[in-house]
Amino acid sequence: MSRDQLKRLKELEAENTRLRRAVSDLTLDKMILAEAARGNY
């Protein structure tokens, strides 16, 4: 792999981590809101 490819790979891995964290946070928010809507708070 070239140096540019490795740099791009690292950038994509960092973005992937950030996006996975965002999805995880939003999933948790959705679960909390669903529970609150059911009146289980």
Protein backbone atom coordinates (compact mmCIF):
# COMPACT_ATOMS: atom_id res chain seq x y z
CA MET A 1 0.00 0.00 0.00
CA SER A 2 1.20 3.47 -0.73
CA ARG A 3 1.52 6.16 1.90
CA ASP A 4 -1.49 8.00 0.43
CA GLN A 5 -3.60 4.86 0.58
CA LEU A 6 -2.65 4.26 4.20
CA LYS A 7 -3.51 7.87 5.07
CA ARG A 8 -6.89 7.52 3.35
CA LEU A 9 -7.53 4.23 5.13
CA LYS A 10 -6.85 5.86 8.50
CA GLU A 11 -9.19 8.74 7.61
CA LEU A 12 -11.95 6.33 6.61
CA GLU A 13 -11.48 4.27 9.77
CA ALA A 14 -11.76 7.42 11.89
CA GLU A 15 -14.90 8.50 10.03
CA ASN A 16 -16.36 5.01 10.39
CA THR A 17 -15.75 5.12 14.15
CA ARG A 18 -17.37 8.55 14.39
CA LEU A 19 -20.41 7.43 12.40
CA ARG A 20 -20.80 4.23 14.42
CA ARG A 21 -20.76 6.29 17.61
CA ALA A 22 -23.41 8.64 16.18
CA VAL A 23 -25.64 5.70 15.23
CA SER A 24 -25.19 4.21 18.69
CA ASP A 25 -26.12 7.51 20.37
CA LEU A 26 -29.18 7.94 18.16
CA THR A 27 -30.30 4.36 18.81
CA LEU A 28 -30.07 4.97 22.54
CA ASP A 29 -32.02 8.23 22.18
CA LYS A 30 -34.71 6.39 20.22
CA MET A 31 -34.99 3.71 22.90
CA ILE A 32 -35.28 6.33 25.64
CA LEU A 33 -37.96 8.25 23.74
CA ALA A 34 -39.91 5.07 23.01
CA GLU A 35 -39.82 4.14 26.68
CA ALA A 36 -40.93 7.63 27.70
CA ALA A 37 -43.77 7.51 25.17
CA ARG A 38 -44.98 4.25 26.72
CA GLY A 39 -44.99 5.93 30.11
CA ASN A 40 -42.26 3.72 31.61
CA TYR A 41 -40.11 6.50 33.03
